[in-house]
């Protein structure tokens, strides 16, 4: 047998299959992953740091294919059952691959090992373009290889353009085996690498309209732009993709608006474009971001419009408002006091007294004790017939 360092990567996978064949009947779990990787490690030759990254990627890729019932030439069957322990093992292998791709030395793989890079892309592209369904086992790896193993610049741009052309012709090469979603997504990624942002945005919009975009596939691009500190460009991407977030789950919206959180301190004019679409997408996240960005008056006005009870929130939520603009809390607490009194029961009166105590502290902090005294006297007089309330006011030492 040829020495493994003289083989093509497709031949590596043949060797990997021989190494792991003995474990074919084992339960596909974390122990299987550890044992199979150890067996492959026995045939690992002396390699340069970049060659070692490629070898390790393909060792993990081979294990991932075993876990999802794929081969280098065929993606996993759509709808095939995968058990819980196997899912856990898949997640672990994917994280190990992602961690490997993020290593600093990964940036030089294409430069030092162009042939290994090209062979790797060919294999991963083939797997990606044939995978269907909700699970994308190979798409993230494909993006990670292109993002981390290449260098930007003229040479990188030439590689991206060549890959885009290969993707566009893949439809004819694969025919009915082509999965449209990863095919279009990969093209959008290449367009973003080429800074052809308008075309990339249009393609992401097409994907979302016809196939329902997976937010993580967009986040790959936003990650790359934000880490490159390209703030004006990030703004254009966020503006262009905000409509694509309609109907997406809250965890995805949280991630999407985290990019806005990163952007705004660096590009202050961006904030004005965030609020209205955010409110339309998720009023609850809108409310949360008002606090994050110190928009306390807007947050208080929003709570008053909803008739929110201050006890719906922990005291810590009000701490920064009380520290910076305590007067904003006055109308909020006053409204809540009246709402609790209108309940006309002991529980409502107790809650009202607790809020009145907060008001007393606020007025004292604002050095408005006379205003407080006038208010509490008028309040007690106005509700003099509510005996239970009067009792609670006395217990709270608000009146004598």
Protein backbone atom coordinates (compact mmCIF):
# COMPACT_ATOMS: atom_id res chain seq x y z
CA UNK A 1 0.00 0.00 0.00
CA UNK A 2 1.22 3.52 -0.78
CA UNK A 3 2.31 5.72 2.10
CA UNK A 4 -0.70 7.76 3.14
CA UNK A 5 1.07 11.10 2.66
CA UNK A 6 1.48 10.25 -1.05
CA UNK A 7 -2.22 9.44 -1.54
CA UNK A 8 -5.07 11.56 -2.77
CA UNK A 9 -7.67 12.45 -0.17
CA UNK A 10 -10.19 10.08 -1.74
CA UNK A 11 -7.65 7.32 -1.05
CA UNK A 12 -7.34 8.52 2.55
CA UNK A 13 -11.02 7.82 3.01
CA UNK A 14 -10.49 4.29 1.69
CA UNK A 15 -7.83 3.79 4.37
CA UNK A 16 -10.13 5.33 6.99
CA UNK A 17 -12.86 2.84 6.05
CA UNK A 18 -10.41 -0.03 6.55
CA UNK A 19 -9.40 1.36 9.95
CA UNK A 20 -12.99 1.67 11.17
CA UNK A 21 -14.62 -1.34 9.49
CA UNK A 22 -14.17 -3.43 12.64
CA UNK A 23 -16.45 -1.00 14.52
CA UNK A 24 -19.30 -1.11 12.00
CA UNK A 25 -21.64 -2.96 14.36
CA UNK A 26 -20.88 -0.74 17.35
CA UNK A 27 -23.47 1.66 18.72
CA UNK A 28 -22.87 5.05 17.11
CA UNK A 29 -22.24 7.15 20.21
CA UNK A 30 -19.45 9.23 21.75
CA UNK A 31 -17.42 6.12 22.62
CA UNK A 32 -17.63 5.06 18.98
CA UNK A 33 -16.29 8.46 17.90
CA UNK A 34 -13.36 8.25 20.31
CA UNK A 35 -12.48 4.67 19.34
CA UNK A 36 -12.77 5.26 15.59
CA UNK A 37 -10.66 8.43 15.69
CA UNK A 38 -8.03 6.59 17.71
CA UNK A 39 -7.89 3.84 15.07
CA UNK A 40 -7.44 6.40 12.29
CA UNK A 41 -4.76 8.13 14.34
CA UNK A 42 -2.66 4.96 14.18
CA UNK A 43 -2.06 5.50 10.44
CA UNK A 44 -1.41 9.24 10.68
CA UNK A 45 2.03 10.01 9.20
CA UNK A 46 4.43 12.85 9.96
CA UNK A 47 2.83 15.94 8.44
CA UNK A 48 3.30 19.68 8.28
CA UNK A 49 0.98 21.71 10.55
CA UNK A 50 -1.30 22.59 7.64
CA UNK A 51 -1.32 19.03 6.27
CA UNK A 52 -2.19 17.81 9.75
CA UNK A 53 -5.23 20.11 9.83
CA UNK A 54 -6.42 18.65 6.53
CA UNK A 55 -5.84 15.09 7.73
CA UNK A 56 -7.69 15.71 10.99
CA UNK A 57 -10.59 17.36 9.17
CA UNK A 58 -11.03 14.34 6.92
CA UNK A 59 -10.68 11.91 9.81
CA UNK A 60 -13.56 13.70 11.52
CA UNK A 61 -15.43 14.01 8.25
CA UNK A 62 -15.18 10.24 7.81
CA UNK A 63 -16.60 9.68 11.30
CA UNK A 64 -19.39 12.15 10.60
CA UNK A 65 -20.27 10.26 7.42
CA UNK A 66 -20.44 7.02 9.38
CA UNK A 67 -22.74 8.65 11.93
CA UNK A 68 -25.14 10.02 9.31
CA UNK A 69 -24.91 7.04 6.93
CA UNK A 70 -23.19 8.91 4.11
CA UNK A 71 -20.25 8.16 1.81
CA UNK A 72 -17.83 10.50 0.01
CA UNK A 73 -20.02 10.14 -3.09
CA UNK A 74 -23.47 10.14 -1.51
CA UNK A 75 -25.09 12.29 1.16
CA UNK A 76 -27.32 10.71 3.85
CA UNK A 77 -30.80 9.61 2.85
CA UNK A 78 -33.48 12.17 3.66
CA UNK A 79 -35.68 10.98 6.52
CA UNK A 80 -33.30 8.27 7.79
CA UNK A 81 -33.74 7.77 11.55
CA UNK A 82 -30.89 8.85 13.81
CA UNK A 83 -31.10 8.06 17.53
CA UNK A 84 -30.43 10.36 20.47
CA UNK A 85 -26.93 9.07 21.29
CA UNK A 86 -25.94 9.34 17.64
CA UNK A 87 -27.25 12.92 17.51
CA UNK A 88 -25.05 13.70 20.52
CA UNK A 89 -22.05 12.14 18.79
CA UNK A 90 -22.78 14.10 15.60
CA UNK A 91 -22.89 17.38 17.53
CA UNK A 92 -19.57 16.57 19.20
CA UNK A 93 -17.86 15.79 15.89
CA UNK A 94 -19.28 18.94 14.30
CA UNK A 95 -17.96 21.03 17.18
CA UNK A 96 -14.53 19.41 16.90
CA UNK A 97 -14.46 20.22 13.18
CA UNK A 98 -15.55 23.81 13.80
CA UNK A 99 -12.89 24.22 16.47
CA UNK A 100 -10.22 22.87 14.13
CA UNK A 101 -11.27 25.26 11.37
CA UNK A 102 -10.98 28.23 13.74
CA UNK A 103 -7.32 27.54 14.58
CA UNK A 104 -4.94 30.33 13.59
CA UNK A 105 -2.80 28.09 11.41
CA UNK A 106 -5.89 27.15 9.40
CA UNK A 107 -5.59 30.46 7.55
CA UNK A 108 -2.64 29.12 5.58
CA UNK A 109 -3.97 25.74 4.45
CA UNK A 110 -4.80 26.78 0.89
CA UNK A 111 -1.53 28.69 0.52
CA UNK A 112 0.66 25.80 1.73
CA UNK A 113 -1.46 22.86 0.53
CA UNK A 114 -3.38 24.01 -2.57
CA UNK A 115 -3.92 20.48 -3.90
CA UNK A 116 -5.20 19.16 -0.57
CA UNK A 117 -7.46 22.21 -0.31
CA UNK A 118 -8.89 21.64 -3.78
CA UNK A 119 -9.52 17.94 -3.14
CA UNK A 120 -11.15 18.75 0.21
CA UNK A 121 -13.51 21.28 -1.33
CA UNK A 122 -14.49 18.82 -4.07
CA UNK A 123 -15.44 16.13 -1.54
CA UNK A 124 -17.27 18.45 0.84
CA UNK A 125 -19.06 20.23 -1.99
CA UNK A 126 -20.31 16.91 -3.33
CA UNK A 127 -21.68 15.90 0.06
CA UNK A 128 -23.26 19.29 0.68
CA UNK A 129 -25.00 19.60 -2.68
CA UNK A 130 -26.81 16.30 -2.20
CA UNK A 131 -28.00 16.69 1.38
CA UNK A 132 -31.69 17.47 1.80
CA UNK A 133 -34.00 18.06 4.74
CA UNK A 134 -33.68 20.20 7.85
CA UNK A 135 -30.27 18.91 8.94
CA UNK A 136 -27.24 20.39 7.19
CA UNK A 137 -24.34 18.18 8.21
CA UNK A 138 -21.85 19.33 5.59
CA UNK A 139 -22.87 22.89 4.66
CA UNK A 140 -21.30 24.42 7.77
CA UNK A 141 -18.06 22.57 7.07
CA UNK A 142 -18.07 23.82 3.48
CA UNK A 143 -18.48 27.43 4.61
CA UNK A 144 -15.88 27.00 7.35
CA UNK A 145 -13.28 25.63 4.94
CA UNK A 146 -13.77 28.53 2.55
CA UNK A 147 -13.78 31.14 5.28
CA UNK A 148 -10.86 29.81 7.30
CA UNK A 149 -8.57 28.03 4.87
CA UNK A 150 -8.29 30.84 2.32
CA UNK A 151 -6.83 34.33 2.47
CA UNK A 152 -8.69 37.40 1.18
CA UNK A 153 -7.12 39.34 -1.64
CA UNK A 154 -6.65 38.84 -5.34
CA UNK A 155 -5.77 35.15 -5.10
CA UNK A 156 -8.67 34.43 -2.76
CA UNK A 157 -11.07 36.30 -5.05
CA UNK A 158 -9.95 34.15 -7.98
CA UNK A 159 -10.66 31.00 -5.95
CA UNK A 160 -14.12 32.26 -4.95
CA UNK A 161 -14.97 33.15 -8.54
CA UNK A 162 -13.83 29.73 -9.74
CA UNK A 163 -15.89 28.01 -7.03
CA UNK A 164 -18.96 30.08 -7.93
CA UNK A 165 -18.64 28.92 -11.51
CA UNK A 166 -18.30 25.29 -10.41
CA UNK A 167 -21.42 25.64 -8.28
CA UNK A 168 -23.39 27.11 -11.14
CA UNK A 169 -22.50 24.18 -13.40
CA UNK A 170 -23.22 21.60 -10.68
CA UNK A 171 -26.89 21.64 -11.63
CA UNK A 172 -26.04 19.99 -14.94
CA UNK A 173 -23.52 17.61 -13.37
CA UNK A 174 -25.76 16.30 -10.56
CA UNK A 175 -29.17 16.52 -12.20
CA UNK A 176 -31.91 15.16 -9.96
CA UNK A 177 -29.39 14.41 -7.17
CA UNK A 178 -28.85 18.14 -6.63
CA UNK A 179 -30.42 19.64 -3.53
CA UNK A 180 -31.53 23.15 -4.43
CA UNK A 181 -31.23 24.73 -0.97
CA UNK A 182 -27.50 24.15 -0.33
CA UNK A 183 -26.77 24.82 -4.00
CA UNK A 184 -28.25 28.32 -3.82
CA UNK A 185 -26.89 28.99 -0.34
CA UNK A 186 -23.33 28.11 -1.36
CA UNK A 187 -23.61 30.52 -4.29
CA UNK A 188 -24.79 33.27 -1.94
CA UNK A 189 -21.79 32.59 0.29
CA UNK A 190 -19.36 32.85 -2.62
CA UNK A 191 -20.97 36.10 -3.75
CA UNK A 192 -20.47 37.49 -0.24
CA UNK A 193 -16.81 36.46 -0.28
CA UNK A 194 -16.49 38.32 -3.59
CA UNK A 195 -18.12 41.42 -2.03
CA UNK A 196 -20.95 41.14 -4.54
CA UNK A 197 -23.31 41.92 -1.71
CA UNK A 198 -26.39 43.02 -3.63
CA UNK A 199 -26.41 39.78 -5.62
CA UNK A 200 -25.86 37.76 -2.45
CA UNK A 201 -28.72 39.55 -0.67
CA UNK A 202 -31.04 38.96 -3.61
CA UNK A 203 -30.14 35.28 -3.60
CA UNK A 204 -30.76 34.95 0.15
CA UNK A 205 -34.14 36.61 -0.41
CA UNK A 206 -34.95 34.12 -3.17
CA UNK A 207 -33.95 31.24 -0.89
CA UNK A 208 -36.14 32.54 1.90
CA UNK A 209 -39.14 33.10 -0.37
CA UNK A 210 -39.03 29.72 -2.05
CA UNK A 211 -37.25 27.37 0.36
CA UNK A 212 -37.34 29.03 3.82
CA UNK A 213 -33.90 30.27 4.80
CA UNK A 214 -32.14 28.66 7.76
CA UNK A 215 -30.98 31.67 9.81
CA UNK A 216 -27.65 30.05 10.68
CA UNK A 217 -26.72 30.12 6.99
CA UNK A 218 -27.14 33.89 6.99
CA UNK A 219 -25.36 34.24 10.33
CA UNK A 220 -22.22 32.70 8.80
CA UNK A 221 -21.92 35.76 6.56
CA UNK A 222 -22.81 38.24 9.30
CA UNK A 223 -20.17 36.65 11.55
CA UNK A 224 -17.52 37.07 8.88
CA UNK A 225 -18.43 40.72 8.25
CA UNK A 226 -18.62 41.67 11.93
CA UNK A 227 -15.33 39.95 12.78
CA UNK A 228 -13.72 41.86 9.90
CA UNK A 229 -15.03 45.07 11.56
CA UNK A 230 -16.70 46.15 8.31
CA UNK A 231 -19.37 48.21 10.04
CA UNK A 232 -20.95 50.10 7.09
CA UNK A 233 -21.13 46.82 5.20
CA UNK A 234 -22.68 45.07 8.19
CA UNK A 235 -25.36 47.77 8.33
CA UNK A 236 -26.25 47.18 4.68
CA UNK A 237 -26.50 43.45 5.32
CA UNK A 238 -28.66 43.90 8.41
CA UNK A 239 -30.98 46.28 6.58
CA UNK A 240 -31.19 43.92 3.63
CA UNK A 241 -31.88 40.81 5.69
CA UNK A 242 -34.21 42.14 8.40
CA UNK A 243 -37.28 41.21 6.27
CA UNK A 244 -35.93 37.65 6.06
CA UNK A 245 -36.29 37.28 9.83
CA UNK A 246 -40.08 37.48 9.72
CA UNK A 247 -41.53 34.35 11.29
CA UNK A 248 -38.19 33.09 12.57
CA UNK A 249 -37.86 31.67 16.10
CA UNK A 250 -36.96 33.84 19.06
CA UNK A 251 -33.48 32.34 19.48
CA UNK A 252 -32.70 33.29 15.86
CA UNK A 253 -34.04 36.81 16.37
CA UNK A 254 -31.87 37.11 19.49
CA UNK A 255 -28.79 36.21 17.46
CA UNK A 256 -29.73 38.50 14.58
CA UNK A 257 -30.20 41.49 16.85
CA UNK A 258 -26.96 40.75 18.64
CA UNK A 259 -25.28 41.90 15.41
CA UNK A 260 -27.14 45.19 15.79
CA UNK A 261 -25.84 45.39 19.37
CA UNK A 262 -22.29 45.01 18.00
CA UNK A 263 -22.86 47.52 15.23
CA UNK A 264 -24.48 50.44 17.03
CA UNK A 265 -21.52 51.45 19.28
CA UNK A 266 -19.35 51.51 16.14
CA UNK A 267 -21.88 53.13 13.78
CA UNK A 268 -24.20 55.31 15.85
CA UNK A 269 -26.43 56.35 12.95
CA UNK A 270 -27.43 52.69 12.49
CA UNK A 271 -29.66 52.67 15.56
CA UNK A 272 -32.45 54.70 13.97
CA UNK A 273 -33.03 51.90 11.45
CA UNK A 274 -33.41 49.16 14.04
CA UNK A 275 -36.42 50.04 16.19
CA UNK A 276 -39.52 50.02 13.99
CA UNK A 277 -38.78 46.73 12.16
CA UNK A 278 -37.78 45.16 15.48
CA UNK A 279 -41.11 46.11 17.05
CA UNK A 280 -42.95 44.54 14.10
CA UNK A 281 -40.90 41.35 14.35
CA UNK A 282 -41.05 40.88 18.12
CA UNK A 283 -42.53 43.33 20.65
CA UNK A 284 -40.93 41.37 23.50
CA UNK A 285 -37.46 41.60 21.97
CA UNK A 286 -38.10 45.28 21.19
CA UNK A 287 -38.80 45.80 24.88
CA UNK A 288 -35.62 43.96 25.86
CA UNK A 289 -33.45 45.97 23.46
CA UNK A 290 -34.83 49.27 24.76
CA UNK A 291 -33.23 48.37 28.08
CA UNK A 292 -30.01 47.11 26.48
CA UNK A 293 -29.54 50.40 24.64
CA UNK A 294 -30.55 52.62 27.56
CA UNK A 295 -33.79 53.85 25.98
CA UNK A 296 -35.43 54.06 29.39
CA UNK A 297 -38.09 56.66 28.60
CA UNK A 298 -39.29 54.66 25.60
CA UNK A 299 -39.29 51.52 27.74
CA UNK A 300 -41.31 53.20 30.51
CA UNK A 301 -43.76 54.69 28.00
CA UNK A 302 -44.19 51.23 26.49
CA UNK A 303 -44.89 49.68 29.91
CA UNK A 304 -47.43 52.38 30.71
CA UNK A 305 -49.19 51.83 27.38
CA UNK A 306 -49.44 48.12 28.15
CA UNK A 307 -50.57 48.67 31.73
CA UNK A 308 -47.72 46.52 32.97
CA UNK A 309 -47.36 45.83 36.69
CA UNK A 310 -43.84 46.70 37.97
CA UNK A 311 -43.91 43.46 39.96
CA UNK A 312 -43.68 41.61 36.65
CA UNK A 313 -39.99 42.54 36.70
CA UNK A 314 -37.14 42.03 39.11
CA UNK A 315 -35.98 45.11 40.99
CA UNK A 316 -32.63 44.82 39.17
CA UNK A 317 -34.37 45.78 35.91
CA UNK A 318 -35.19 49.19 37.36
CA UNK A 319 -31.76 49.75 38.95
CA UNK A 320 -30.10 51.49 35.95
CA UNK A 321 -33.18 53.67 35.42
CA UNK A 322 -33.29 54.59 39.10
CA UNK A 323 -29.60 55.43 38.98
CA UNK A 324 -29.64 57.52 35.80
CA UNK A 325 -33.16 58.92 35.33
CA UNK A 326 -35.23 58.06 38.41
CA UNK A 327 -37.97 60.58 37.58
CA UNK A 328 -38.99 58.35 34.65
CA UNK A 329 -40.26 55.73 37.09
CA UNK A 330 -42.74 58.06 38.79
CA UNK A 331 -45.63 57.81 36.28
CA UNK A 332 -45.08 54.06 35.93
CA UNK A 333 -45.36 53.46 39.68
CA UNK A 334 -48.24 55.91 40.08
CA UNK A 335 -50.26 54.14 37.39
CA UNK A 336 -49.55 50.75 38.96
CA UNK A 337 -50.64 52.01 42.40
CA UNK A 338 -54.01 53.10 41.04
CA UNK A 339 -54.44 49.84 39.10
CA UNK A 340 -53.85 47.78 42.23
CA UNK A 341 -56.23 49.91 44.31
CA UNK A 342 -58.94 49.36 41.69
CA UNK A 343 -58.75 45.62 42.38
CA UNK A 344 -60.44 46.43 45.71
CA UNK A 345 -59.04 43.45 47.55
CA UNK A 346 -56.43 42.94 50.25
CA UNK A 347 -53.83 41.63 47.81
CA UNK A 348 -54.19 44.69 45.60
CA UNK A 349 -53.87 47.02 48.57
CA UNK A 350 -50.72 45.29 49.80
CA UNK A 351 -49.18 45.60 46.33
CA UNK A 352 -50.17 49.27 46.16
CA UNK A 353 -48.46 49.96 49.49
CA UNK A 354 -45.25 48.26 48.31
CA UNK A 355 -45.26 50.50 45.26
CA UNK A 356 -45.99 53.56 47.38
CA UNK A 357 -42.89 52.76 49.43
CA UNK A 358 -40.86 52.69 46.23
CA UNK A 359 -42.37 56.05 45.29
CA UNK A 360 -41.45 57.49 48.69
CA UNK A 361 -37.81 56.49 48.14
CA UNK A 362 -37.82 57.98 44.65
CA UNK A 363 -39.25 61.30 45.79
CA UNK A 364 -36.64 61.41 48.55
CA UNK A 365 -33.86 60.68 46.06
CA UNK A 366 -35.18 63.48 43.86
CA UNK A 367 -35.36 65.77 46.91
CA UNK A 368 -39.08 66.19 46.34
CA UNK A 369 -40.25 65.30 49.87
CA UNK A 370 -42.87 68.06 49.95
CA UNK A 371 -44.36 66.79 46.72
CA UNK A 372 -44.49 63.30 48.21
CA UNK A 373 -46.13 64.49 51.41
CA UNK A 374 -48.80 66.32 49.42
CA UNK A 375 -49.43 63.27 47.27
CA UNK A 376 -49.72 60.71 50.08
CA UNK A 377 -52.04 62.98 52.08
CA UNK A 378 -54.30 63.45 49.07
CA UNK A 379 -54.14 59.73 48.25
CA UNK A 380 -55.15 58.69 51.77
CA UNK A 381 -57.96 61.24 51.83
CA UNK A 382 -59.28 60.19 48.42
CA UNK A 383 -59.45 56.55 49.51
CA UNK A 384 -60.56 57.18 53.10
CA UNK A 385 -63.57 54.85 52.76
CA UNK A 386 -61.40 51.86 51.84
CA UNK A 387 -60.74 50.58 55.35
CA UNK A 388 -58.52 47.69 54.30
CA UNK A 389 -56.35 50.04 52.26
CA UNK A 390 -56.12 52.44 55.21
CA UNK A 391 -54.97 49.53 57.40
CA UNK A 392 -52.26 48.59 54.91
CA UNK A 393 -51.12 52.22 54.68
CA UNK A 394 -50.76 52.32 58.46
CA UNK A 395 -48.95 48.96 58.54
CA UNK A 396 -46.58 50.34 55.95
CA UNK A 397 -46.08 53.44 58.09
CA UNK A 398 -47.15 55.64 55.21
CA UNK A 399 -49.84 57.36 57.31
CA UNK A 400 -50.48 57.62 61.04
